[in-house]
């Protein structure tokens, strides 16, 4: 009995590790915006980016820390790369954000 257990244990272990790896791979494919993980389809990150663009923020010290973490990170993304835009996440998937009218 012991030899059968010893024989199959490594196979069960490898199978378990591979199954776990497959499950965590989908979590790694979560959306990102400016290198930051998105929790809400990147809408809050894009909103923070657009706010920073509208206010012509040039320093991370001017990003509002009293907003959500995602909004703040969107502002940081603007300061880091003001040319990236807010319409797409890092993988090129569209982000739908309501824009304020300029009237």
N, C-alpha and C. Protein backbone atom coordinates (compact mmCIF):
# COMPACT_ATOMS: atom_id res chain seq x y z
N UNK A 1 0.82 -1.20 0.00
CA UNK A 1 0.00 0.00 0.00
C UNK A 1 0.87 1.26 0.00
N UNK A 2 1.94 1.23 0.77
CA UNK A 2 2.81 2.38 0.87
C UNK A 2 3.45 2.70 -0.49
N UNK A 3 3.83 1.70 -1.23
CA UNK A 3 4.46 1.94 -2.52
C UNK A 3 3.47 2.55 -3.52
N UNK A 4 2.22 2.16 -3.46
CA UNK A 4 1.21 2.74 -4.34
C UNK A 4 1.00 4.22 -4.01
N UNK A 5 0.98 4.54 -2.72
CA UNK A 5 0.82 5.94 -2.29
C UNK A 5 2.01 6.77 -2.74
N UNK A 6 3.21 6.24 -2.56
CA UNK A 6 4.42 6.93 -2.97
C UNK A 6 4.46 7.13 -4.47
N UNK A 7 3.95 6.16 -5.21
CA UNK A 7 3.94 6.23 -6.67
C UNK A 7 2.99 7.31 -7.19
N UNK A 8 1.81 7.44 -6.60
CA UNK A 8 0.79 8.36 -7.11
C UNK A 8 0.85 9.76 -6.49
N UNK A 9 1.49 9.90 -5.37
CA UNK A 9 1.53 11.19 -4.68
C UNK A 9 2.14 12.31 -5.54
N UNK A 10 3.28 12.08 -6.20
CA UNK A 10 3.85 13.15 -7.04
C UNK A 10 2.92 13.55 -8.19
N UNK A 11 2.20 12.60 -8.75
CA UNK A 11 1.28 12.89 -9.86
C UNK A 11 0.14 13.76 -9.37
N UNK A 12 -0.40 13.42 -8.21
CA UNK A 12 -1.50 14.21 -7.63
C UNK A 12 -1.00 15.62 -7.30
N UNK A 13 0.19 15.71 -6.78
CA UNK A 13 0.76 17.01 -6.42
C UNK A 13 0.95 17.89 -7.67
N UNK A 14 1.53 17.33 -8.72
CA UNK A 14 1.75 18.09 -9.94
C UNK A 14 0.42 18.51 -10.56
N UNK A 15 -0.55 17.62 -10.57
CA UNK A 15 -1.86 17.94 -11.12
C UNK A 15 -2.51 19.07 -10.34
N UNK A 16 -2.39 19.02 -9.03
CA UNK A 16 -2.98 20.07 -8.19
C UNK A 16 -2.32 21.42 -8.45
N UNK A 17 -1.01 21.42 -8.58
CA UNK A 17 -0.28 22.67 -8.83
C UNK A 17 -0.68 23.24 -10.19
N UNK A 18 -0.77 22.40 -11.20
CA UNK A 18 -1.18 22.87 -12.53
C UNK A 18 -2.59 23.40 -12.52
N UNK A 19 -3.50 22.74 -11.82
CA UNK A 19 -4.88 23.21 -11.74
C UNK A 19 -4.95 24.56 -11.04
N UNK A 20 -4.20 24.73 -9.98
CA UNK A 20 -4.16 26.00 -9.26
C UNK A 20 -3.59 27.09 -10.16
N UNK A 21 -2.54 26.78 -10.90
CA UNK A 21 -1.93 27.74 -11.81
C UNK A 21 -2.90 28.19 -12.88
N UNK A 22 -3.72 27.30 -13.37
CA UNK A 22 -4.71 27.67 -14.39
C UNK A 22 -5.75 28.60 -13.82
N UNK A 23 -6.14 28.40 -12.59
CA UNK A 23 -7.15 29.26 -11.96
C UNK A 23 -6.61 30.65 -11.72
N UNK A 24 -5.37 30.78 -11.30
CA UNK A 24 -4.82 32.09 -11.01
C UNK A 24 -4.45 32.84 -12.27
N UNK A 25 -4.30 32.17 -13.38
CA UNK A 25 -3.95 32.86 -14.62
C UNK A 25 -5.06 33.81 -15.05
N UNK A 26 -6.31 33.46 -14.81
CA UNK A 26 -7.40 34.36 -15.19
C UNK A 26 -7.41 35.61 -14.33
N UNK A 27 -6.96 35.51 -13.09
CA UNK A 27 -6.89 36.69 -12.25
C UNK A 27 -5.79 37.63 -12.74
N UNK A 28 -4.74 37.08 -13.31
CA UNK A 28 -3.64 37.89 -13.81
C UNK A 28 -4.05 38.68 -15.05
N UNK A 29 -5.14 38.30 -15.68
CA UNK A 29 -5.57 38.98 -16.89
C UNK A 29 -6.53 40.13 -16.59
N UNK A 30 -6.60 40.56 -15.35
CA UNK A 30 -7.47 41.68 -14.98
C UNK A 30 -7.02 42.94 -15.71
N UNK A 31 -7.94 43.87 -15.92
CA UNK A 31 -7.63 45.09 -16.65
C UNK A 31 -6.74 46.01 -15.83
N UNK A 32 -5.92 46.76 -16.53
CA UNK A 32 -5.05 47.75 -15.90
C UNK A 32 -5.15 49.06 -16.68
N UNK A 33 -4.85 50.14 -15.98
CA UNK A 33 -4.85 51.48 -16.58
C UNK A 33 -3.61 52.19 -16.09
N UNK A 34 -2.71 52.51 -16.98
CA UNK A 34 -1.47 53.19 -16.58
C UNK A 34 -0.63 52.35 -15.65
N UNK A 35 -0.79 51.04 -15.73
CA UNK A 35 -0.05 50.13 -14.87
C UNK A 35 -0.73 49.82 -13.55
N UNK A 36 -1.88 50.42 -13.27
CA UNK A 36 -2.61 50.20 -12.03
C UNK A 36 -3.76 49.22 -12.26
N UNK A 37 -3.98 48.31 -11.32
CA UNK A 37 -5.07 47.34 -11.43
C UNK A 37 -6.42 48.05 -11.34
N UNK A 38 -7.33 47.69 -12.24
CA UNK A 38 -8.68 48.25 -12.24
C UNK A 38 -9.62 47.34 -11.45
N UNK A 39 -10.55 47.94 -10.74
CA UNK A 39 -11.55 47.17 -10.01
C UNK A 39 -12.94 47.41 -10.57
N UNK A 40 -13.09 48.35 -11.47
CA UNK A 40 -14.42 48.75 -11.96
C UNK A 40 -14.41 49.02 -13.46
N UNK A 41 -13.81 48.15 -14.22
CA UNK A 41 -13.70 48.35 -15.67
C UNK A 41 -12.91 49.60 -16.03
N UNK A 42 -12.08 50.05 -15.13
CA UNK A 42 -11.17 51.18 -15.34
C UNK A 42 -11.88 52.53 -15.45
N UNK A 43 -13.15 52.59 -15.14
CA UNK A 43 -13.90 53.84 -15.26
C UNK A 43 -13.38 54.89 -14.28
N UNK A 44 -13.13 54.52 -13.04
CA UNK A 44 -12.64 55.50 -12.06
C UNK A 44 -11.23 55.97 -12.40
N UNK A 45 -10.41 55.07 -12.92
CA UNK A 45 -9.07 55.47 -13.34
C UNK A 45 -9.17 56.48 -14.48
N UNK A 46 -10.01 56.19 -15.45
CA UNK A 46 -10.18 57.10 -16.59
C UNK A 46 -10.73 58.44 -16.13
N UNK A 47 -11.64 58.42 -15.17
CA UNK A 47 -12.21 59.67 -14.64
C UNK A 47 -11.13 60.51 -13.96
N UNK A 48 -10.26 59.88 -13.20
CA UNK A 48 -9.15 60.59 -12.56
C UNK A 48 -8.19 61.16 -13.59
N UNK A 49 -7.96 60.39 -14.63
CA UNK A 49 -7.10 60.85 -15.72
C UNK A 49 -7.70 62.08 -16.39
N UNK A 50 -8.99 62.01 -16.71
CA UNK A 50 -9.66 63.12 -17.37
C UNK A 50 -9.70 64.36 -16.48
N UNK A 51 -9.90 64.16 -15.18
CA UNK A 51 -9.89 65.28 -14.24
C UNK A 51 -8.52 65.96 -14.25
N UNK A 52 -7.47 65.15 -14.21
CA UNK A 52 -6.11 65.70 -14.22
C UNK A 52 -5.83 66.43 -15.53
N UNK A 53 -6.33 65.88 -16.63
CA UNK A 53 -6.16 66.52 -17.93
C UNK A 53 -6.88 67.87 -17.96
N UNK A 54 -8.11 67.89 -17.47
CA UNK A 54 -8.92 69.11 -17.45
C UNK A 54 -8.27 70.20 -16.59
N UNK A 55 -7.65 69.77 -15.48
CA UNK A 55 -7.03 70.73 -14.55
C UNK A 55 -5.53 70.94 -14.83
N UNK A 56 -5.05 70.34 -15.93
CA UNK A 56 -3.66 70.47 -16.34
C UNK A 56 -2.68 70.19 -15.20
N UNK A 57 -2.90 69.06 -14.53
CA UNK A 57 -2.07 68.66 -13.40
C UNK A 57 -0.70 68.23 -13.92
N UNK A 58 0.36 68.76 -13.33
CA UNK A 58 1.72 68.43 -13.75
C UNK A 58 2.53 67.72 -12.68
N UNK A 59 2.02 67.69 -11.46
CA UNK A 59 2.76 67.07 -10.36
C UNK A 59 1.84 66.12 -9.59
N UNK A 60 2.40 65.00 -9.14
CA UNK A 60 1.59 64.06 -8.37
C UNK A 60 1.12 64.68 -7.05
N UNK A 61 1.81 65.72 -6.61
CA UNK A 61 1.40 66.40 -5.38
C UNK A 61 0.05 67.09 -5.53
N UNK A 62 -0.38 67.32 -6.77
CA UNK A 62 -1.66 67.99 -7.01
C UNK A 62 -2.81 67.01 -7.28
N UNK A 63 -2.52 65.72 -7.25
CA UNK A 63 -3.58 64.72 -7.43
C UNK A 63 -4.37 64.61 -6.12
N UNK A 64 -5.69 64.59 -6.20
CA UNK A 64 -6.52 64.60 -4.98
C UNK A 64 -6.52 63.24 -4.27
N UNK A 65 -5.94 63.21 -3.09
CA UNK A 65 -5.88 61.97 -2.31
C UNK A 65 -7.18 61.69 -1.58
N UNK A 66 -8.10 62.65 -1.57
CA UNK A 66 -9.37 62.46 -0.85
C UNK A 66 -10.43 61.80 -1.72
N UNK A 67 -10.09 61.43 -2.95
CA UNK A 67 -11.00 60.71 -3.84
C UNK A 67 -10.70 59.22 -3.72
N UNK A 68 -11.35 58.42 -4.54
CA UNK A 68 -11.09 56.97 -4.49
C UNK A 68 -9.64 56.69 -4.92
N UNK A 69 -9.16 55.53 -4.51
CA UNK A 69 -7.81 55.13 -4.88
C UNK A 69 -7.66 55.06 -6.41
N UNK A 70 -8.69 54.54 -7.08
CA UNK A 70 -8.65 54.41 -8.53
C UNK A 70 -8.60 55.79 -9.20
N UNK A 71 -9.38 56.74 -8.71
CA UNK A 71 -9.38 58.10 -9.25
C UNK A 71 -7.99 58.72 -9.08
N UNK A 72 -7.43 58.57 -7.90
CA UNK A 72 -6.09 59.08 -7.61
C UNK A 72 -5.06 58.45 -8.55
N UNK A 73 -5.15 57.14 -8.75
CA UNK A 73 -4.22 56.45 -9.65
C UNK A 73 -4.39 56.92 -11.10
N UNK A 74 -5.61 57.24 -11.49
CA UNK A 74 -5.84 57.80 -12.82
C UNK A 74 -5.15 59.14 -12.98
N UNK A 75 -5.19 59.95 -11.94
CA UNK A 75 -4.48 61.23 -11.94
C UNK A 75 -2.97 60.99 -12.05
N UNK A 76 -2.48 60.02 -11.29
CA UNK A 76 -1.05 59.68 -11.36
C UNK A 76 -0.67 59.22 -12.77
N UNK A 77 -1.55 58.45 -13.40
CA UNK A 77 -1.29 57.97 -14.76
C UNK A 77 -1.18 59.15 -15.72
N UNK A 78 -2.02 60.18 -15.52
CA UNK A 78 -1.94 61.37 -16.38
C UNK A 78 -0.60 62.08 -16.19
N UNK A 79 -0.20 62.27 -14.94
CA UNK A 79 1.07 62.95 -14.67
C UNK A 79 2.23 62.18 -15.31
N UNK A 80 2.16 60.85 -15.21
CA UNK A 80 3.21 60.00 -15.75
C UNK A 80 3.23 60.01 -17.28
N UNK A 81 2.04 60.04 -17.90
CA UNK A 81 1.95 59.95 -19.36
C UNK A 81 0.73 60.72 -19.87
N UNK A 82 0.84 62.04 -20.01
CA UNK A 82 -0.31 62.85 -20.43
C UNK A 82 -0.76 62.61 -21.87
N UNK A 83 -0.02 61.83 -22.62
CA UNK A 83 -0.38 61.55 -24.01
C UNK A 83 -1.14 60.23 -24.19
N UNK A 84 -1.27 59.41 -23.13
CA UNK A 84 -1.87 58.08 -23.27
C UNK A 84 -3.36 58.14 -23.54
N UNK A 85 -4.05 59.15 -23.03
CA UNK A 85 -5.49 59.25 -23.19
C UNK A 85 -6.23 58.38 -22.19
N UNK A 86 -7.54 58.56 -22.13
CA UNK A 86 -8.35 57.84 -21.14
C UNK A 86 -9.37 56.92 -21.79
N UNK A 87 -9.30 56.76 -23.09
CA UNK A 87 -10.32 55.98 -23.79
C UNK A 87 -10.11 54.48 -23.76
N UNK A 88 -8.88 54.03 -23.45
CA UNK A 88 -8.57 52.60 -23.50
C UNK A 88 -7.75 52.18 -22.30
N UNK A 89 -7.93 50.91 -21.87
CA UNK A 89 -7.08 50.38 -20.81
C UNK A 89 -5.73 50.00 -21.41
N UNK A 90 -4.85 49.43 -20.62
CA UNK A 90 -3.50 49.12 -21.09
C UNK A 90 -3.48 48.05 -22.18
N UNK A 91 -4.53 47.25 -22.27
CA UNK A 91 -4.61 46.22 -23.31
C UNK A 91 -5.33 46.70 -24.56
N UNK A 92 -5.81 47.94 -24.57
CA UNK A 92 -6.49 48.49 -25.73
C UNK A 92 -8.00 48.30 -25.74
N UNK A 93 -8.57 47.80 -24.64
CA UNK A 93 -10.03 47.67 -24.54
C UNK A 93 -10.64 49.02 -24.20
N UNK A 94 -11.75 49.32 -24.85
CA UNK A 94 -12.39 50.63 -24.66
C UNK A 94 -12.93 50.80 -23.24
N UNK A 95 -12.84 52.03 -22.75
CA UNK A 95 -13.40 52.43 -21.46
C UNK A 95 -14.48 53.46 -21.75
N UNK A 96 -15.68 53.22 -21.27
CA UNK A 96 -16.78 54.15 -21.51
C UNK A 96 -16.93 55.04 -20.29
N UNK A 97 -16.62 56.32 -20.47
CA UNK A 97 -16.71 57.30 -19.39
C UNK A 97 -17.56 58.45 -19.90
N UNK A 98 -18.55 58.85 -19.11
CA UNK A 98 -19.37 60.01 -19.48
C UNK A 98 -18.50 61.25 -19.35
N UNK A 99 -18.45 62.02 -20.39
CA UNK A 99 -17.66 63.26 -20.38
C UNK A 99 -18.60 64.44 -20.15
N UNK A 100 -18.09 65.41 -19.42
CA UNK A 100 -18.88 66.62 -19.19
C UNK A 100 -18.87 67.45 -20.46
N UNK A 101 -20.01 68.08 -20.74
CA UNK A 101 -20.05 68.94 -21.92
C UNK A 101 -19.30 70.23 -21.62
N UNK A 102 -18.84 70.87 -22.64
CA UNK A 102 -18.05 72.09 -22.46
C UNK A 102 -18.89 73.35 -22.62
N UNK A 103 -20.22 73.23 -22.60
CA UNK A 103 -21.04 74.43 -22.75
C UNK A 103 -21.12 75.13 -21.43
